[in-house]
Amino acid sequence: MLRFEGVDLHYGSFRALSGVTLHAEPGELVVLLGANGAGKTSIFMAASGIQRPSAGRIRLGEREIAGHRPAEIVAAGLVHCPEGRKLFPMMSVRKNLTLGAYVHRRDKAGIQRSLDEVFSLFPILEVKQHDPAGSLSGGQQQMVAIGRAMLGRPKVLLLDEPSLGLAPLVVKQVFEVIERINRQGTTVLLAEQNAYSALAIAHRAYVIERGRIALEGDRESLLNNEAVRAAYIGA
């Protein structure tokens, strides 16, 4: 479904990604683990068209998407939910959600169906749909960010640090919803520092260090890897 082949990415003279090769198959939930600055967000920026790779290929299904405009990539089925939520705080929850459906803006009935699906995932958002997004708790704002991404009708959903700054109980709720989204058929690529919670719902994972793939494996192999446990799980 999503495939990186030898991808390099530079910010000026700084090489953020070096020869990154990874894939997420249809229906998989794949986790990217790594410290701050390891390159997880750069992978997402390259996939979603915000940054153009300096080398390599990125494919969504059979389509080459490297260098395409973000709107074209969203329309093709890849949607990026960024770190830090990036909401419009003075706009209503409903308006923030529907902004995610911009590429489908002429399909009013489809947008309403997508809204109903998001409200089934996050019932509190239906209750608060007319409230300013900035008045919500941090966990509820993260729900809006994920819901907005779902309005784009993703085949592949990129989630960048969705647990950042959230209380443990809220993290548990958010990860349960991510797992549910995946079980409903959406391929998920999840970047996380909360390694234990992320691996608990993952099929496979990659460890990113200094812009390179340092390690990859299925959930069990990485949970039982002593180096991974020491570096990311704290065991």
Protein backbone atom coordinates (compact mmCIF):
# COMPACT_ATOMS: atom_id res chain seq x y z
CA MET A 1 0.00 0.00 0.00
CA LEU A 2 2.79 2.46 0.97
CA ARG A 3 6.40 1.84 0.03
CA PHE A 4 9.62 3.84 0.47
CA GLU A 5 12.59 2.77 -1.64
CA GLY A 6 15.97 4.31 -0.82
CA VAL A 7 14.57 7.68 0.18
CA ASP A 8 16.89 10.57 1.07
CA LEU A 9 15.61 13.90 2.33
CA HIS A 10 17.57 17.07 3.00
CA TYR A 11 16.85 20.33 4.79
CA GLY A 12 19.47 22.49 3.14
CA SER A 13 22.79 20.73 3.74
CA PHE A 14 21.38 18.58 6.56
CA ARG A 15 20.47 15.04 5.57
CA ALA A 16 17.38 14.07 7.58
CA LEU A 17 16.76 10.73 5.86
CA SER A 18 19.34 8.43 4.31
CA GLY A 19 18.35 5.47 2.17
CA VAL A 20 15.08 4.80 3.97
CA THR A 21 13.32 1.68 2.71
CA LEU A 22 10.10 0.58 4.41
CA HIS A 23 6.61 -0.56 3.60
CA ALA A 24 3.11 -0.83 5.06
CA GLU A 25 0.90 -3.44 3.44
CA PRO A 26 -2.91 -3.13 3.08
CA GLY A 27 -4.56 -3.48 6.48
CA GLU A 28 -1.33 -3.28 8.48
CA LEU A 29 -0.62 -1.12 11.51
CA VAL A 30 3.07 -0.28 11.36
CA VAL A 31 4.91 1.69 14.04
CA LEU A 32 7.94 3.96 13.66
CA LEU A 33 9.99 4.14 16.87
CA GLY A 34 12.76 6.61 17.51
CA ALA A 35 13.95 9.49 19.63
CA ASN A 36 13.19 13.13 18.86
CA GLY A 37 15.05 14.10 15.70
CA ALA A 38 15.51 10.52 14.53
CA GLY A 39 13.62 11.13 11.28
CA LYS A 40 10.08 9.89 11.96
CA THR A 41 8.40 13.19 11.09
CA SER A 42 10.62 13.60 8.03
CA ILE A 43 9.32 10.27 6.72
CA PHE A 44 5.78 11.62 7.07
CA MET A 45 6.68 14.97 5.49
CA ALA A 46 8.13 13.16 2.49
CA ALA A 47 5.15 10.81 2.15
CA SER A 48 2.56 13.58 2.37
CA GLY A 49 4.29 15.88 -0.11
CA ILE A 50 5.24 18.62 2.35
CA GLN A 51 8.94 17.96 1.70
CA ARG A 52 10.35 16.69 -1.58
CA PRO A 53 12.81 13.77 -1.31
CA SER A 54 16.24 14.34 -2.78
CA ALA A 55 16.52 10.70 -3.85
CA GLY A 56 14.50 7.50 -3.91
CA ARG A 57 10.89 6.54 -4.64
CA ILE A 58 7.66 6.66 -2.66
CA ARG A 59 4.72 4.65 -3.93
CA LEU A 60 1.10 4.55 -2.83
CA GLY A 61 -0.27 1.37 -4.33
CA GLU A 62 0.98 1.46 -7.92
CA ARG A 63 1.25 5.24 -7.99
CA GLU A 64 4.48 7.20 -7.59
CA ILE A 65 3.74 10.09 -5.20
CA ALA A 66 7.18 11.54 -4.40
CA GLY A 67 7.17 15.22 -5.35
CA HIS A 68 3.42 15.44 -5.88
CA ARG A 69 1.41 18.23 -4.27
CA PRO A 70 -0.13 17.41 -0.85
CA ALA A 71 -3.70 17.84 -2.14
CA GLU A 72 -3.03 15.29 -4.89
CA ILE A 73 -1.62 12.84 -2.35
CA VAL A 74 -4.65 13.26 -0.06
CA ALA A 75 -6.97 12.69 -3.01
CA ALA A 76 -5.01 9.51 -3.82
CA GLY A 77 -5.74 8.20 -0.31
CA LEU A 78 -2.85 9.13 1.99
CA VAL A 79 -3.69 11.48 4.88
CA HIS A 80 -1.26 12.91 7.45
CA CYS A 81 -2.35 13.73 11.01
CA PRO A 82 0.51 15.95 12.24
CA GLU A 83 2.21 16.15 15.60
CA GLY A 84 0.77 18.90 17.80
CA ARG A 85 -2.78 18.63 16.41
CA LYS A 86 -2.64 21.91 14.39
CA LEU A 87 -6.29 22.85 14.94
CA PHE A 88 -7.97 26.22 14.37
CA PRO A 89 -8.84 27.03 18.00
CA MET A 90 -11.53 29.65 17.33
CA MET A 91 -13.38 27.51 14.80
CA SER A 92 -15.97 24.99 15.92
CA VAL A 93 -15.13 21.33 16.30
CA ARG A 94 -17.43 20.56 13.35
CA LYS A 95 -15.72 23.11 11.11
CA ASN A 96 -12.27 21.77 12.02
CA LEU A 97 -13.44 18.27 11.16
CA THR A 98 -14.98 19.21 7.81
CA LEU A 99 -11.78 20.99 6.74
CA GLY A 100 -10.33 17.50 6.45
CA ALA A 101 -12.86 16.75 3.70
CA TYR A 102 -11.73 19.59 1.44
CA VAL A 103 -10.76 17.32 -1.46
CA HIS A 104 -14.26 15.76 -1.22
CA ARG A 105 -16.06 19.08 -0.68
CA ARG A 106 -18.61 18.53 -3.46
CA ASP A 107 -19.80 15.26 -1.91
CA LYS A 108 -22.04 16.68 0.83
CA ALA A 109 -23.74 13.36 1.59
CA GLY A 110 -20.38 11.62 1.81
CA ILE A 111 -19.05 14.25 4.20
CA GLN A 112 -22.04 13.72 6.49
CA ARG A 113 -21.44 9.96 6.44
CA SER A 114 -17.80 10.54 7.33
CA LEU A 115 -18.82 12.87 10.16
CA ASP A 116 -21.18 10.24 11.50
CA GLU A 117 -18.37 7.68 11.43
CA VAL A 118 -16.07 10.04 13.36
CA PHE A 119 -18.81 10.70 15.91
CA SER A 120 -19.17 6.94 16.37
CA LEU A 121 -15.43 6.73 17.08
CA PHE A 122 -15.45 9.79 19.36
CA PRO A 123 -18.98 10.35 20.77
CA ILE A 124 -17.83 13.37 22.82
CA LEU A 125 -17.10 15.24 19.59
CA GLU A 126 -20.74 15.03 18.54
CA VAL A 127 -21.73 16.56 21.88
CA LYS A 128 -19.14 19.35 21.47
CA GLN A 129 -19.34 19.81 17.71
CA HIS A 130 -20.43 23.46 17.95
CA ASP A 131 -17.87 24.42 20.63
CA PRO A 132 -14.62 26.16 19.71
CA ALA A 133 -11.91 23.56 19.24
CA GLY A 134 -9.62 25.56 21.52
CA SER A 135 -11.99 25.07 24.44
CA LEU A 136 -11.51 21.29 24.43
CA SER A 137 -9.11 19.31 26.58
CA GLY A 138 -5.85 18.12 25.04
CA GLY A 139 -7.21 14.61 24.59
CA GLN A 140 -10.38 15.87 22.92
CA GLN A 141 -8.32 18.08 20.61
CA GLN A 142 -6.30 15.02 19.59
CA MET A 143 -9.60 13.28 18.80
CA VAL A 144 -10.52 16.22 16.56
CA ALA A 145 -7.16 15.97 14.78
CA ILE A 146 -7.61 12.26 14.12
CA GLY A 147 -11.24 12.81 13.12
CA ARG A 148 -10.23 15.56 10.69
CA ALA A 149 -7.79 13.15 9.07
CA MET A 150 -10.53 10.53 8.77
CA LEU A 151 -12.69 13.03 6.88
CA GLY A 152 -10.08 12.76 4.13
CA ARG A 153 -11.16 9.09 3.70
CA PRO A 154 -7.63 7.68 3.99
CA LYS A 155 -6.51 4.37 2.62
CA VAL A 156 -3.27 5.05 4.50
CA LEU A 157 -3.35 7.15 7.68
CA LEU A 158 -0.13 8.70 9.01
CA LEU A 159 -0.32 9.50 12.74
CA ASP A 160 2.54 11.54 14.16
CA GLU A 161 2.92 11.26 17.97
CA PRO A 162 -0.82 11.13 18.81
CA SER A 163 -0.11 10.43 22.50
CA LEU A 164 2.09 13.50 22.98
CA GLY A 165 1.20 15.39 26.15
CA LEU A 166 -1.81 13.24 27.03
CA ALA A 167 -2.70 11.62 30.35
CA PRO A 168 -2.24 7.82 30.49
CA LEU A 169 -6.00 7.12 30.53
CA VAL A 170 -6.52 9.32 27.47
CA VAL A 171 -3.58 7.65 25.71
CA LYS A 172 -5.28 4.30 26.26
CA GLN A 173 -8.52 5.61 24.74
CA VAL A 174 -6.75 7.10 21.73
CA PHE A 175 -4.81 3.90 21.03
CA GLU A 176 -8.01 1.85 21.27
CA VAL A 177 -9.54 4.06 18.57
CA ILE A 178 -6.42 3.79 16.39
CA GLU A 179 -6.63 0.02 16.64
CA ARG A 180 -10.34 0.17 15.74
CA ILE A 181 -9.62 2.37 12.69
CA ASN A 182 -7.06 -0.17 11.54
CA ARG A 183 -9.41 -3.11 12.07
CA GLN A 184 -11.98 -1.36 9.89
CA GLY A 185 -9.51 -1.58 7.00
CA THR A 186 -7.36 1.55 7.08
CA THR A 187 -3.61 1.02 6.82
CA VAL A 188 -1.92 2.95 9.63
CA LEU A 189 1.65 4.21 9.91
CA LEU A 190 2.12 5.40 13.49
CA ALA A 191 5.12 7.40 14.75
CA GLU A 192 5.43 7.13 18.52
CA GLN A 193 7.77 7.53 21.45
CA ASN A 194 5.31 5.66 23.67
CA ALA A 195 6.82 2.42 22.46
CA TYR A 196 5.05 -0.06 24.70
CA SER A 197 1.54 1.19 23.89
CA ALA A 198 2.34 1.47 20.19
CA LEU A 199 3.86 -2.01 19.90
CA ALA A 200 0.90 -3.48 21.79
CA ILE A 201 -1.38 -2.68 18.82
CA ALA A 202 1.16 -2.96 15.97
CA HIS A 203 1.69 -5.71 13.43
CA ARG A 204 5.26 -4.61 12.65
CA ALA A 205 7.65 -1.82 13.58
CA TYR A 206 10.76 0.00 12.40
CA VAL A 207 13.33 1.64 14.66
CA ILE A 208 14.66 4.90 13.19
CA GLU A 209 18.06 6.28 14.24
CA ARG A 210 19.73 9.31 12.67
CA GLY A 211 17.59 9.15 9.56
CA ARG A 212 18.19 5.46 8.88
CA ILE A 213 16.28 2.24 9.51
CA ALA A 214 18.24 0.65 12.36
CA LEU A 215 15.97 -2.30 13.05
CA GLU A 216 12.70 -3.82 11.90
CA GLY A 217 10.55 -6.71 12.99
CA ASP A 218 7.17 -7.90 14.13
CA ARG A 219 5.61 -6.85 17.43
CA GLU A 220 6.83 -9.81 19.45
CA SER A 221 10.42 -9.68 18.25
CA LEU A 222 10.79 -5.99 19.09
CA LEU A 223 8.99 -6.24 22.43
CA ASN A 224 11.46 -8.99 23.36
CA ASN A 225 14.53 -7.23 21.94
CA GLU A 226 16.69 -6.14 24.89
CA ALA A 227 18.13 -3.12 23.07
CA VAL A 228 14.66 -1.89 22.13
CA ARG A 229 13.38 -2.50 25.64
CA ALA A 230 16.26 -0.58 27.18
CA ALA A 231 16.09 2.35 24.75
CA TYR A 232 12.34 2.80 24.27
CA ILE A 233 10.33 0.83 26.81
CA GLY A 234 12.42 1.47 29.91
CA ALA A 235 12.72 -2.18 30.90
